[in-house]
C-alpha cells in the first residue's frame, strides 16, 4: 500500500490524528480531506465516527487521518477523483450544474430528524436516484442531510416579508430556489466564509442549520434566528472515496466496509451526529446574551407552504427530466421519514 504513505507525505495542510492508538497498528491508512473548521462537528464528530466504524469493521486493519485546508469546498469532488486524498465530504449545492437528483432531499416540507432524512435519502438513492449516476468517478459511501435550515441575521426578522431585498448567503440547490422565491438577493459564499461575510456587512444574513450557531460562530455575528418548522430547506451531502484507494484494499476488507459501514449504516450515524450538533447550536443560541429565536407566524407558514409547493413541483420535474421517477422518489422519502 505504498500509495497511501506517498499521498500522506505529499499533502499539505493541517493534520488531525483521529485514532492514534490504532494508526500505528493499521495496515492501511486512508487520507481524509475536510474543508470545515477544525472544531466543526464534521471534523470533531462525523469523521471520528467514520474512523471508529471502519476500524471496528476491519479489526483495526484500516484507519484514517484527517487533513484540513487541502482545497476549498467546491474542489473536493475533483480532489478525490484525482487521488489527491482518499475520502472527503461534499456539499452537492457547491457543484453547480453537476447534481440534480440530490435536490430531492433538500426540499422543504419533510418532517423528521436529520437521521431519519439521511436513512430515507440512502434508500431512495438505492431504489431511484442512483440510476442518474451523478457520482460517477468516485465511490459513494454515504448520503446525508443537515437539519432544517433557518435564516440567521443580525437585525431581527419577525415577518417573512422582511426577507425581500435582503442580501443573504444561500447555497446552491434548493436553498437558492427558496431564496429567490422569498425575494432575497443571493450571495454565493462557501460555509467557512460566512463569519467574515457577516462581520464585514457584505451580507444581511445567511441560511444555514442551527449547528452553524456554534460551528461557524453565528452567535457573534447573526444574533437573530427566524425559524420555520421543518426549515427553509435541507442541505445535501455525500461522503465519497477514491475508487482506486478502495480497489487497492484487500477483497476481504472491501467486503467488510461495504457490508458494515458504507451506505445506510454510515448515513444513519452521520445524520444522528447532525441532530446532536444542531441541538448544541440551539443551546448556544439560547444561552448567549443578545441572541433570539423568532418563530414564523401562522400567516407566514401559510405563505411559505405555497412557496414550498411550487419549489417541490419544480424540482420533481427537474429530476424526472433527468430520467428518474421524481414523484416516486419524493413519495418514498416522505413515507420513510414519517415512519422512521
C-alpha atoms as a PDB file:
ATOM      1  CA  UNK A   1       0.000   0.000   0.000  1.00  0.00           C
ATOM      2  CA  UNK A   2       2.737   2.455  -0.935  1.00  0.00           C
ATOM      3  CA  UNK A   3       0.084   4.714  -2.448  1.00  0.00           C
ATOM      4  CA  UNK A   4      -1.327   5.761   0.928  1.00  0.00           C
ATOM      5  CA  UNK A   5       2.020   6.629   2.505  1.00  0.00           C
ATOM      6  CA  UNK A   6       3.019   8.575  -0.605  1.00  0.00           C
ATOM      7  CA  UNK A   7      -0.178  10.620  -0.531  1.00  0.00           C
ATOM      8  CA  UNK A   8       0.244  11.249   3.172  1.00  0.00           C
ATOM      9  CA  UNK A   9       3.749  12.627   2.708  1.00  0.00           C
ATOM     10  CA  UNK A  10       2.851  14.848  -0.223  1.00  0.00           C
ATOM     11  CA  UNK A  11      -0.292  16.522   1.039  1.00  0.00           C
ATOM     12  CA  UNK A  12      -0.020  19.930   2.658  1.00  0.00           C
ATOM     13  CA  UNK A  13      -2.243  21.330   5.381  1.00  0.00           C
ATOM     14  CA  UNK A  14      -3.008  20.620   8.980  1.00  0.00           C
ATOM     15  CA  UNK A  15      -3.369  17.000  10.063  1.00  0.00           C
ATOM     16  CA  UNK A  16      -5.561  15.649  12.827  1.00  0.00           C
ATOM     17  CA  UNK A  17      -4.929  12.159  14.191  1.00  0.00           C
ATOM     18  CA  UNK A  18      -8.350  10.599  14.553  1.00  0.00           C
ATOM     19  CA  UNK A  19      -7.247   7.361  16.171  1.00  0.00           C
ATOM     20  CA  UNK A  20      -3.617   7.495  17.193  1.00  0.00           C
ATOM     21  CA  UNK A  21      -3.688   4.203  19.059  1.00  0.00           C
ATOM     22  CA  UNK A  22      -4.595   2.158  16.003  1.00  0.00           C
ATOM     23  CA  UNK A  23      -2.881   4.301  13.375  1.00  0.00           C
ATOM     24  CA  UNK A  24       0.447   2.605  14.084  1.00  0.00           C
ATOM     25  CA  UNK A  25      -1.028  -0.891  14.012  1.00  0.00           C
ATOM     26  CA  UNK A  26      -3.236  -0.468  10.941  1.00  0.00           C
ATOM     27  CA  UNK A  27      -2.148  -1.979   7.637  1.00  0.00           C
ATOM     28  CA  UNK A  28      -3.884   0.734   5.609  1.00  0.00           C
ATOM     29  CA  UNK A  29      -4.266   4.433   6.418  1.00  0.00           C
ATOM     30  CA  UNK A  30      -6.728   6.477   4.367  1.00  0.00           C
ATOM     31  CA  UNK A  31      -6.244  10.224   3.951  1.00  0.00           C
ATOM     32  CA  UNK A  32      -9.371  12.288   4.590  1.00  0.00           C
ATOM     33  CA  UNK A  33      -9.712  15.787   3.150  1.00  0.00           C
ATOM     34  CA  UNK A  34     -12.087  18.106   5.004  1.00  0.00           C
ATOM     35  CA  UNK A  35     -12.899  21.762   4.392  1.00  0.00           C
ATOM     36  CA  UNK A  36     -14.778  22.545   7.603  1.00  0.00           C
ATOM     37  CA  UNK A  37     -13.163  24.384  10.541  1.00  0.00           C
ATOM     38  CA  UNK A  38     -11.195  22.147  12.954  1.00  0.00           C
ATOM     39  CA  UNK A  39     -13.814  22.218  15.724  1.00  0.00           C
ATOM     40  CA  UNK A  40     -16.848  21.898  13.440  1.00  0.00           C
ATOM     41  CA  UNK A  41     -18.997  18.833  14.074  1.00  0.00           C
ATOM     42  CA  UNK A  42     -17.938  17.369  10.723  1.00  0.00           C
ATOM     43  CA  UNK A  43     -14.364  17.106  11.965  1.00  0.00           C
ATOM     44  CA  UNK A  44     -14.985  16.792  15.699  1.00  0.00           C
ATOM     45  CA  UNK A  45     -17.677  14.114  15.488  1.00  0.00           C
ATOM     46  CA  UNK A  46     -18.522  12.818  11.988  1.00  0.00           C
ATOM     47  CA  UNK A  47     -15.091  11.809  10.759  1.00  0.00           C
ATOM     48  CA  UNK A  48     -14.174  10.230  14.129  1.00  0.00           C
ATOM     49  CA  UNK A  49     -17.382   8.167  13.886  1.00  0.00           C
ATOM     50  CA  UNK A  50     -16.399   7.135  10.363  1.00  0.00           C
ATOM     51  CA  UNK A  51     -12.951   6.025  11.559  1.00  0.00           C
ATOM     52  CA  UNK A  52     -14.454   4.182  14.508  1.00  0.00           C
ATOM     53  CA  UNK A  53     -16.794   2.250  12.212  1.00  0.00           C
ATOM     54  CA  UNK A  54     -14.023   1.496   9.695  1.00  0.00           C
ATOM     55  CA  UNK A  55     -11.637   0.242  12.364  1.00  0.00           C
ATOM     56  CA  UNK A  56     -14.312  -1.886  14.002  1.00  0.00           C
ATOM     57  CA  UNK A  57     -15.403  -3.457  10.697  1.00  0.00           C
ATOM     58  CA  UNK A  58     -11.809  -4.251   9.660  1.00  0.00           C
ATOM     59  CA  UNK A  59     -10.451  -5.278  13.073  1.00  0.00           C
ATOM     60  CA  UNK A  60      -8.149  -2.276  13.027  1.00  0.00           C
ATOM     61  CA  UNK A  61      -6.548  -3.115   9.699  1.00  0.00           C
ATOM     62  CA  UNK A  62      -7.863   0.105   8.112  1.00  0.00           C
ATOM     63  CA  UNK A  63      -7.808   3.532   9.747  1.00  0.00           C
ATOM     64  CA  UNK A  64      -7.649   7.129   8.551  1.00  0.00           C
ATOM     65  CA  UNK A  65      -6.075  10.508   9.218  1.00  0.00           C
ATOM     66  CA  UNK A  66      -7.727  13.857   8.685  1.00  0.00           C
ATOM     67  CA  UNK A  67      -6.135  16.711   6.727  1.00  0.00           C
ATOM     68  CA  UNK A  68      -7.600  20.199   6.672  1.00  0.00           C
ATOM     69  CA  UNK A  69      -7.271  23.007   4.175  1.00  0.00           C
ATOM     70  CA  UNK A  70      -6.144  20.972   1.186  1.00  0.00           C
ATOM     71  CA  UNK A  71      -8.744  22.574  -1.092  1.00  0.00           C
ATOM     72  CA  UNK A  72     -11.927  24.693  -0.824  1.00  0.00           C
ATOM     73  CA  UNK A  73     -15.359  23.015  -0.580  1.00  0.00           C
ATOM     74  CA  UNK A  74     -16.267  23.129  -4.313  1.00  0.00           C
ATOM     75  CA  UNK A  75     -12.996  21.373  -5.249  1.00  0.00           C
ATOM     76  CA  UNK A  76     -13.449  18.275  -3.087  1.00  0.00           C
ATOM     77  CA  UNK A  77     -15.109  16.104  -5.750  1.00  0.00           C
ATOM     78  CA  UNK A  78     -12.290  16.658  -8.238  1.00  0.00           C
ATOM     79  CA  UNK A  79      -9.719  16.280  -5.459  1.00  0.00           C
ATOM     80  CA  UNK A  80     -10.951  12.760  -4.713  1.00  0.00           C
ATOM     81  CA  UNK A  81     -11.305  11.831  -8.383  1.00  0.00           C
ATOM     82  CA  UNK A  82      -7.670  12.871  -8.924  1.00  0.00           C
ATOM     83  CA  UNK A  83      -6.461  10.817  -5.954  1.00  0.00           C
ATOM     84  CA  UNK A  84      -5.040  13.772  -4.025  1.00  0.00           C
ATOM     85  CA  UNK A  85      -6.881  12.359  -0.989  1.00  0.00           C
ATOM     86  CA  UNK A  86      -8.748   9.135  -0.357  1.00  0.00           C
ATOM     87  CA  UNK A  87     -12.032  10.366   1.154  1.00  0.00           C
ATOM     88  CA  UNK A  88     -13.932  13.611   1.634  1.00  0.00           C
ATOM     89  CA  UNK A  89     -17.315  15.173   2.290  1.00  0.00           C
ATOM     90  CA  UNK A  90     -19.012  17.218  -0.429  1.00  0.00           C
ATOM     91  CA  UNK A  91     -21.973  19.584  -0.347  1.00  0.00           C
ATOM     92  CA  UNK A  92     -23.888  18.999  -3.560  1.00  0.00           C
ATOM     93  CA  UNK A  93     -25.071  22.600  -3.796  1.00  0.00           C
ATOM     94  CA  UNK A  94     -21.477  23.770  -4.305  1.00  0.00           C
ATOM     95  CA  UNK A  95     -21.233  21.742  -7.534  1.00  0.00           C
ATOM     96  CA  UNK A  96     -23.184  23.995  -9.892  1.00  0.00           C
ATOM     97  CA  UNK A  97     -24.848  22.012 -12.667  1.00  0.00           C
ATOM     98  CA  UNK A  98     -23.265  18.737 -11.587  1.00  0.00           C
ATOM     99  CA  UNK A  99     -26.070  17.304  -9.463  1.00  0.00           C
ATOM    100  CA  UNK A 100     -29.823  17.380  -9.992  1.00  0.00           C
ATOM    101  CA  UNK A 101     -31.336  14.345  -8.272  1.00  0.00           C
ATOM    102  CA  UNK A 102     -29.661  15.263  -4.972  1.00  0.00           C
ATOM    103  CA  UNK A 103     -32.040  18.243  -4.754  1.00  0.00           C
ATOM    104  CA  UNK A 104     -34.790  15.768  -3.907  1.00  0.00           C
ATOM    105  CA  UNK A 105     -33.741  15.527  -0.247  1.00  0.00           C
ATOM    106  CA  UNK A 106     -33.317  19.310   0.053  1.00  0.00           C
ATOM    107  CA  UNK A 107     -37.000  20.080  -0.465  1.00  0.00           C
ATOM    108  CA  UNK A 108     -38.882  21.990   2.230  1.00  0.00           C
ATOM    109  CA  UNK A 109     -41.797  20.276   3.919  1.00  0.00           C
ATOM    110  CA  UNK A 110     -40.271  16.983   5.035  1.00  0.00           C
ATOM    111  CA  UNK A 111     -40.937  16.152   8.666  1.00  0.00           C
ATOM    112  CA  UNK A 112     -38.326  14.358  10.730  1.00  0.00           C
ATOM    113  CA  UNK A 113     -34.779  14.417  12.034  1.00  0.00           C
ATOM    114  CA  UNK A 114     -31.540  14.532  10.074  1.00  0.00           C
ATOM    115  CA  UNK A 115     -31.085  10.873  10.986  1.00  0.00           C
ATOM    116  CA  UNK A 116     -34.464   9.951   9.514  1.00  0.00           C
ATOM    117  CA  UNK A 117     -33.788  12.075   6.434  1.00  0.00           C
ATOM    118  CA  UNK A 118     -30.354  10.547   5.860  1.00  0.00           C
ATOM    119  CA  UNK A 119     -31.654   6.973   6.048  1.00  0.00           C
ATOM    120  CA  UNK A 120     -34.574   7.806   3.760  1.00  0.00           C
ATOM    121  CA  UNK A 121     -32.154   9.537   1.384  1.00  0.00           C
ATOM    122  CA  UNK A 122     -29.927   6.483   1.067  1.00  0.00           C
ATOM    123  CA  UNK A 123     -32.887   4.164   0.498  1.00  0.00           C
ATOM    124  CA  UNK A 124     -34.326   6.455  -2.172  1.00  0.00           C
ATOM    125  CA  UNK A 125     -30.879   6.646  -3.744  1.00  0.00           C
ATOM    126  CA  UNK A 126     -30.623   2.870  -3.994  1.00  0.00           C
ATOM    127  CA  UNK A 127     -34.103   2.491  -5.460  1.00  0.00           C
ATOM    128  CA  UNK A 128     -34.316   5.556  -7.701  1.00  0.00           C
ATOM    129  CA  UNK A 129     -31.639   8.247  -7.670  1.00  0.00           C
ATOM    130  CA  UNK A 130     -28.630   6.002  -8.349  1.00  0.00           C
ATOM    131  CA  UNK A 131     -29.891   5.497 -11.902  1.00  0.00           C
ATOM    132  CA  UNK A 132     -28.711   9.033 -12.748  1.00  0.00           C
ATOM    133  CA  UNK A 133     -25.102   8.009 -11.929  1.00  0.00           C
ATOM    134  CA  UNK A 134     -24.259  11.540 -10.774  1.00  0.00           C
ATOM    135  CA  UNK A 135     -21.391  10.409  -8.525  1.00  0.00           C
ATOM    136  CA  UNK A 136     -19.526   8.711 -11.353  1.00  0.00           C
ATOM    137  CA  UNK A 137     -15.773   8.879 -10.889  1.00  0.00           C
ATOM    138  CA  UNK A 138     -15.870   8.322  -7.124  1.00  0.00           C
ATOM    139  CA  UNK A 139     -17.175   5.659  -4.776  1.00  0.00           C
ATOM    140  CA  UNK A 140     -20.223   6.960  -2.921  1.00  0.00           C
ATOM    141  CA  UNK A 141     -20.050   5.723   0.679  1.00  0.00           C
ATOM    142  CA  UNK A 142     -22.804   7.728   2.411  1.00  0.00           C
ATOM    143  CA  UNK A 143     -25.505  10.348   1.849  1.00  0.00           C
ATOM    144  CA  UNK A 144     -26.897  12.647   4.499  1.00  0.00           C
ATOM    145  CA  UNK A 145     -28.547  15.982   5.172  1.00  0.00           C
ATOM    146  CA  UNK A 146     -28.098  18.660   7.752  1.00  0.00           C
ATOM    147  CA  UNK A 147     -31.005  19.693   9.925  1.00  0.00           C
ATOM    148  CA  UNK A 148     -33.654  22.200   8.841  1.00  0.00           C
ATOM    149  CA  UNK A 149     -32.007  25.407   7.581  1.00  0.00           C
ATOM    150  CA  UNK A 150     -33.157  28.687   9.111  1.00  0.00           C
ATOM    151  CA  UNK A 151     -32.424  32.370   8.453  1.00  0.00           C
ATOM    152  CA  UNK A 152     -29.715  33.846  10.697  1.00  0.00           C
ATOM    153  CA  UNK A 153     -29.323  37.632  10.697  1.00  0.00           C
ATOM    154  CA  UNK A 154     -28.025  40.445  12.857  1.00  0.00           C
ATOM    155  CA  UNK A 155     -31.207  42.501  12.582  1.00  0.00           C
ATOM    156  CA  UNK A 156     -34.282  40.667  13.838  1.00  0.00           C
ATOM    157  CA  UNK A 157     -36.605  39.190  11.199  1.00  0.00           C
ATOM    158  CA  UNK A 158     -40.080  38.589  12.603  1.00  0.00           C
ATOM    159  CA  UNK A 159     -42.096  38.616   9.401  1.00  0.00           C
ATOM    160  CA  UNK A 160     -41.364  36.735   6.180  1.00  0.00           C
ATOM    161  CA  UNK A 161     -41.943  39.849   4.100  1.00  0.00           C
ATOM    162  CA  UNK A 162     -38.803  41.379   5.639  1.00  0.00           C
ATOM    163  CA  UNK A 163     -36.651  38.883   3.733  1.00  0.00           C
ATOM    164  CA  UNK A 164     -37.439  40.508   0.389  1.00  0.00           C
ATOM    165  CA  UNK A 165     -34.476  42.593  -0.690  1.00  0.00           C
ATOM    166  CA  UNK A 166     -32.111  41.229   1.963  1.00  0.00           C
ATOM    167  CA  UNK A 167     -28.608  40.196   0.884  1.00  0.00           C
ATOM    168  CA  UNK A 168     -28.489  36.602   2.054  1.00  0.00           C
ATOM    169  CA  UNK A 169     -25.822  33.935   1.770  1.00  0.00           C
ATOM    170  CA  UNK A 170     -27.699  30.964   0.355  1.00  0.00           C
ATOM    171  CA  UNK A 171     -26.039  27.838  -1.083  1.00  0.00           C
ATOM    172  CA  UNK A 172     -26.943  26.378  -4.438  1.00  0.00           C
ATOM    173  CA  UNK A 173     -29.565  23.724  -4.966  1.00  0.00           C
ATOM    174  CA  UNK A 174     -32.995  24.077  -3.412  1.00  0.00           C
ATOM    175  CA  UNK A 175     -31.713  26.706  -0.985  1.00  0.00           C
ATOM    176  CA  UNK A 176     -31.184  29.011  -3.949  1.00  0.00           C
ATOM    177  CA  UNK A 177     -34.663  28.282  -5.295  1.00  0.00           C
ATOM    178  CA  UNK A 178     -36.258  29.109  -1.953  1.00  0.00           C
ATOM    179  CA  UNK A 179     -34.192  32.264  -1.508  1.00  0.00           C
ATOM    180  CA  UNK A 180     -35.243  33.535  -4.924  1.00  0.00           C
ATOM    181  CA  UNK A 181     -38.888  32.783  -4.182  1.00  0.00           C
ATOM    182  CA  UNK A 182     -38.641  34.807  -0.960  1.00  0.00           C
ATOM    183  CA  UNK A 183     -37.182  37.768  -2.849  1.00  0.00           C
ATOM    184  CA  UNK A 184     -33.734  37.636  -1.260  1.00  0.00           C
ATOM    185  CA  UNK A 185     -30.624  38.659  -3.157  1.00  0.00           C
ATOM    186  CA  UNK A 186     -28.477  35.545  -3.065  1.00  0.00           C
ATOM    187  CA  UNK A 187     -24.763  35.733  -2.270  1.00  0.00           C
ATOM    188  CA  UNK A 188     -22.611  32.696  -3.114  1.00  0.00           C
ATOM    189  CA  UNK A 189     -20.186  32.163  -0.234  1.00  0.00           C
ATOM    190  CA  UNK A 190     -18.813  28.792   0.986  1.00  0.00           C
ATOM    191  CA  UNK A 191     -19.741  27.938   4.564  1.00  0.00           C
ATOM    192  CA  UNK A 192     -16.249  28.582   6.009  1.00  0.00           C
ATOM    193  CA  UNK A 193     -16.526  32.218   4.850  1.00  0.00           C
ATOM    194  CA  UNK A 194     -19.886  33.082   6.435  1.00  0.00           C
ATOM    195  CA  UNK A 195     -18.450  34.614   9.608  1.00  0.00           C
ATOM    196  CA  UNK A 196     -16.295  37.171   7.817  1.00  0.00           C
ATOM    197  CA  UNK A 197     -19.061  37.827   5.285  1.00  0.00           C
ATOM    198  CA  UNK A 198     -21.468  38.781   8.058  1.00  0.00           C
ATOM    199  CA  UNK A 199     -18.844  40.570  10.139  1.00  0.00           C
ATOM    200  CA  UNK A 200     -17.983  42.806   7.185  1.00  0.00           C
ATOM    201  CA  UNK A 201     -21.671  43.504   6.445  1.00  0.00           C
ATOM    202  CA  UNK A 202     -21.284  42.023   2.968  1.00  0.00           C
ATOM    203  CA  UNK A 203     -24.472  40.085   3.724  1.00  0.00           C
ATOM    204  CA  UNK A 204     -27.526  40.789   5.879  1.00  0.00           C
ATOM    205  CA  UNK A 205     -27.978  37.154   6.779  1.00  0.00           C
ATOM    206  CA  UNK A 206     -27.275  33.514   5.997  1.00  0.00           C
ATOM    207  CA  UNK A 207     -29.499  30.458   5.679  1.00  0.00           C
ATOM    208  CA  UNK A 208     -27.941  27.500   7.499  1.00  0.00           C
ATOM    209  CA  UNK A 209     -28.907  24.856  10.083  1.00  0.00           C
ATOM    210  CA  UNK A 210     -28.788  25.510  13.832  1.00  0.00           C
ATOM    211  CA  UNK A 211     -25.431  23.745  14.068  1.00  0.00           C
ATOM    212  CA  UNK A 212     -23.865  26.822  12.476  1.00  0.00           C
ATOM    213  CA  UNK A 213     -24.655  28.897  15.550  1.00  0.00           C
ATOM    214  CA  UNK A 214     -21.759  27.026  17.180  1.00  0.00           C
ATOM    215  CA  UNK A 215     -19.772  25.581  14.273  1.00  0.00           C
ATOM    216  CA  UNK A 216     -19.413  28.891  12.430  1.00  0.00           C
ATOM    217  CA  UNK A 217     -19.814  31.192  15.466  1.00  0.00           C
ATOM    218  CA  UNK A 218     -23.008  32.808  14.194  1.00  0.00           C
ATOM    219  CA  UNK A 219     -23.996  33.730  17.750  1.00  0.00           C
ATOM    220  CA  UNK A 220     -21.413  36.508  17.404  1.00  0.00           C
ATOM    221  CA  UNK A 221     -22.370  37.973  14.018  1.00  0.00           C
ATOM    222  CA  UNK A 222     -26.002  36.929  13.446  1.00  0.00           C
ATOM    223  CA  UNK A 223     -27.769  37.248  16.765  1.00  0.00           C
ATOM    224  CA  UNK A 224     -31.261  36.511  15.467  1.00  0.00           C
ATOM    225  CA  UNK A 225     -32.794  33.354  14.012  1.00  0.00           C
ATOM    226  CA  UNK A 226     -36.031  33.343  12.013  1.00  0.00           C
ATOM    227  CA  UNK A 227     -37.312  29.786  12.418  1.00  0.00           C
ATOM    228  CA  UNK A 228     -39.694  27.961  10.097  1.00  0.00           C
ATOM    229  CA  UNK A 229     -40.832  24.486  11.254  1.00  0.00           C
ATOM    230  CA  UNK A 230     -39.121  21.927   9.029  1.00  0.00           C
ATOM    231  CA  UNK A 231     -36.749  24.596   7.748  1.00  0.00           C
ATOM    232  CA  UNK A 232     -36.463  26.565   4.532  1.00  0.00           C
ATOM    233  CA  UNK A 233     -34.597  23.601   3.016  1.00  0.00           C
ATOM    234  CA  UNK A 234     -32.232  20.756   3.976  1.00  0.00           C
ATOM    235  CA  UNK A 235     -28.699  20.578   2.611  1.00  0.00           C
ATOM    236  CA  UNK A 236     -27.499  17.502   0.729  1.00  0.00           C
ATOM    237  CA  UNK A 237     -24.071  15.992   1.468  1.00  0.00           C
ATOM    238  CA  UNK A 238     -22.125  12.909   0.422  1.00  0.00           C
ATOM    239  CA  UNK A 239     -19.148  11.060   1.837  1.00  0.00           C
ATOM    240  CA  UNK A 240     -17.067   9.939  -1.131  1.00  0.00           C
ATOM    241  CA  UNK A 241     -13.959   7.806  -1.656  1.00  0.00           C
ATOM    242  CA  UNK A 242     -11.371   7.497  -4.389  1.00  0.00           C
ATOM    243  CA  UNK A 243     -12.165   4.410  -6.459  1.00  0.00           C
ATOM    244  CA  UNK A 244      -8.538   3.302  -6.729  1.00  0.00           C
ATOM    245  CA  UNK A 245      -7.997   3.688  -2.990  1.00  0.00           C
ATOM    246  CA  UNK A 246     -10.894   1.336  -2.371  1.00  0.00           C
ATOM    247  CA  UNK A 247      -9.780  -1.101  -5.093  1.00  0.00           C
ATOM    248  CA  UNK A 248      -6.298  -1.247  -3.530  1.00  0.00           C
ATOM    249  CA  UNK A 249      -7.714  -2.681  -0.309  1.00  0.00           C
ATOM    250  CA  UNK A 250      -7.763  -6.495   0.030  1.00  0.00           C
ATOM    251  CA  UNK A 251     -11.038  -8.104  -1.035  1.00  0.00           C
ATOM    252  CA  UNK A 252     -11.994  -9.146   2.495  1.00  0.00           C
ATOM    253  CA  UNK A 253     -11.626  -5.579   3.768  1.00  0.00           C
ATOM    254  CA  UNK A 254     -13.614  -4.182   0.846  1.00  0.00           C
ATOM    255  CA  UNK A 255     -16.394  -6.643   1.690  1.00  0.00           C
ATOM    256  CA  UNK A 256     -16.348  -5.702   5.365  1.00  0.00           C
ATOM    257  CA  UNK A 257     -16.590  -1.995   4.601  1.00  0.00           C
ATOM    258  CA  UNK A 258     -19.347  -2.410   2.019  1.00  0.00           C
ATOM    259  CA  UNK A 259     -21.418  -4.619   4.319  1.00  0.00           C
ATOM    260  CA  UNK A 260     -20.862  -2.993   7.710  1.00  0.00           C
ATOM    261  CA  UNK A 261     -20.014   0.658   7.118  1.00  0.00           C
ATOM    262  CA  UNK A 262     -20.748   2.133   3.709  1.00  0.00           C
ATOM    263  CA  UNK A 263     -24.258   3.011   2.638  1.00  0.00           C
ATOM    264  CA  UNK A 264     -27.140   3.080   5.092  1.00  0.00           C
ATOM    265  CA  UNK A 265     -25.135   2.358   8.305  1.00  0.00           C
ATOM    266  CA  UNK A 266     -22.784   5.321   7.795  1.00  0.00           C
ATOM    267  CA  UNK A 267     -25.578   7.569   6.502  1.00  0.00           C
ATOM    268  CA  UNK A 268     -27.604   6.857   9.638  1.00  0.00           C
ATOM    269  CA  UNK A 269     -24.726   7.606  12.003  1.00  0.00           C
ATOM    270  CA  UNK A 270     -23.797  10.860  10.252  1.00  0.00           C
ATOM    271  CA  UNK A 271     -27.416  12.023  10.343  1.00  0.00           C
ATOM    272  CA  UNK A 272     -27.546  11.174  14.034  1.00  0.00           C
ATOM    273  CA  UNK A 273     -24.448  13.295  14.642  1.00  0.00           C
ATOM    274  CA  UNK A 274     -26.033  16.212  12.825  1.00  0.00           C
ATOM    275  CA  UNK A 275     -29.065  16.055  15.082  1.00  0.00           C
ATOM    276  CA  UNK A 276     -26.697  16.220  18.037  1.00  0.00           C
ATOM    277  CA  UNK A 277     -24.765  19.241  16.784  1.00  0.00           C
ATOM    278  CA  UNK A 278     -27.977  21.038  15.793  1.00  0.00           C
ATOM    279  CA  UNK A 279     -29.037  20.669  19.415  1.00  0.00           C
ATOM    280  CA  UNK A 280     -25.715  22.111  20.555  1.00  0.00           C
ATOM    281  CA  UNK A 281     -26.216  25.086  18.222  1.00  0.00           C
ATOM    282  CA  UNK A 282     -29.713  25.745  19.531  1.00  0.00           C
ATOM    283  CA  UNK A 283     -28.480  25.616  23.114  1.00  0.00           C
ATOM    284  CA  UNK A 284     -25.649  28.016  22.265  1.00  0.00           C
ATOM    285  CA  UNK A 285     -28.228  30.460  20.888  1.00  0.00           C
ATOM    286  CA  UNK A 286     -30.478  30.236  23.919  1.00  0.00           C
ATOM    287  CA  UNK A 287     -27.598  30.674  26.338  1.00  0.00           C
ATOM    288  CA  UNK A 288     -25.867  33.582  24.562  1.00  0.00           C
ATOM    289  CA  UNK A 289     -26.864  37.052  25.683  1.00  0.00           C
ATOM    290  CA  UNK A 290     -28.474  39.121  22.940  1.00  0.00           C
ATOM    291  CA  UNK A 291     -29.419  36.110  20.800  1.00  0.00           C
ATOM    292  CA  UNK A 292     -33.060  35.351  19.971  1.00  0.00           C
ATOM    293  CA  UNK A 293     -35.131  32.786  18.073  1.00  0.00           C
ATOM    294  CA  UNK A 294     -38.165  34.298  16.327  1.00  0.00           C
ATOM    295  CA  UNK A 295     -40.778  31.761  15.254  1.00  0.00           C
ATOM    296  CA  UNK A 296     -42.620  32.220  11.964  1.00  0.00           C
ATOM    297  CA  UNK A 297     -46.245  33.223  12.392  1.00  0.00           C
ATOM    298  CA  UNK A 298     -49.200  31.148  11.207  1.00  0.00           C
ATOM    299  CA  UNK A 299     -49.699  33.612   8.347  1.00  0.00           C
ATOM    300  CA  UNK A 300     -46.054  33.271   7.320  1.00  0.00           C
ATOM    301  CA  UNK A 301     -46.294  29.480   7.410  1.00  0.00           C
ATOM    302  CA  UNK A 302     -49.300  29.573   5.102  1.00  0.00           C
ATOM    303  CA  UNK A 303     -47.368  31.797   2.722  1.00  0.00           C
ATOM    304  CA  UNK A 304     -44.281  29.589   2.886  1.00  0.00           C
ATOM    305  CA  UNK A 305     -46.256  26.396   2.300  1.00  0.00           C
ATOM    306  CA  UNK A 306     -47.393  27.812  -1.038  1.00  0.00           C
ATOM    307  CA  UNK A 307     -43.787  28.682  -1.943  1.00  0.00           C
ATOM    308  CA  UNK A 308     -42.629  25.195  -0.877  1.00  0.00           C
ATOM    309  CA  UNK A 309     -45.266  23.537  -3.056  1.00  0.00           C
ATOM    310  CA  UNK A 310     -44.040  25.445  -6.119  1.00  0.00           C
ATOM    311  CA  UNK A 311     -40.401  24.572  -5.371  1.00  0.00           C
ATOM    312  CA  UNK A 312     -41.277  20.882  -4.922  1.00  0.00           C
ATOM    313  CA  UNK A 313     -43.117  20.775  -8.241  1.00  0.00           C
ATOM    314  CA  UNK A 314     -40.160  22.423  -9.986  1.00  0.00           C
ATOM    315  CA  UNK A 315     -37.589  20.027  -8.527  1.00  0.00           C
ATOM    316  CA  UNK A 316     -39.684  16.921  -9.115  1.00  0.00           C
ATOM    317  CA  UNK A 317     -39.961  17.993 -12.768  1.00  0.00           C
ATOM    318  CA  UNK A 318     -36.171  18.530 -12.982  1.00  0.00           C
ATOM    319  CA  UNK A 319     -35.472  15.094 -11.523  1.00  0.00           C
ATOM    320  CA  UNK A 320     -37.987  13.492 -13.863  1.00  0.00           C
ATOM    321  CA  UNK A 321     -36.277  15.156 -16.826  1.00  0.00           C
ATOM    322  CA  UNK A 322     -33.032  13.540 -15.635  1.00  0.00           C
ATOM    323  CA  UNK A 323     -34.603  10.126 -16.224  1.00  0.00           C
ATOM    324  CA  UNK A 324     -35.718   9.406 -12.646  1.00  0.00           C
ATOM    325  CA  UNK A 325     -39.289   8.980 -11.399  1.00  0.00           C
ATOM    326  CA  UNK A 326     -39.190  12.171  -9.350  1.00  0.00           C
ATOM    327  CA  UNK A 327     -42.640  11.832  -7.828  1.00  0.00           C
ATOM    328  CA  UNK A 328     -41.995   8.250  -6.721  1.00  0.00           C
ATOM    329  CA  UNK A 329     -38.672   9.255  -5.160  1.00  0.00           C
ATOM    330  CA  UNK A 330     -40.290  12.153  -3.315  1.00  0.00           C
ATOM    331  CA  UNK A 331     -43.138   9.976  -2.064  1.00  0.00           C
ATOM    332  CA  UNK A 332     -40.686   7.342  -0.843  1.00  0.00           C
ATOM    333  CA  UNK A 333     -38.589   9.853   1.103  1.00  0.00           C
ATOM    334  CA  UNK A 334     -41.660  11.407   2.730  1.00  0.00           C
ATOM    335  CA  UNK A 335     -43.044   7.996   3.652  1.00  0.00           C
ATOM    336  CA  UNK A 336     -39.746   6.672   5.002  1.00  0.00           C
ATOM    337  CA  UNK A 337     -39.206   9.778   7.120  1.00  0.00           C
ATOM    338  CA  UNK A 338     -42.695   9.789   8.591  1.00  0.00           C
ATOM    339  CA  UNK A 339     -42.375   6.104   9.507  1.00  0.00           C
ATOM    340  CA  UNK A 340     -38.836   6.309  10.906  1.00  0.00           C
END
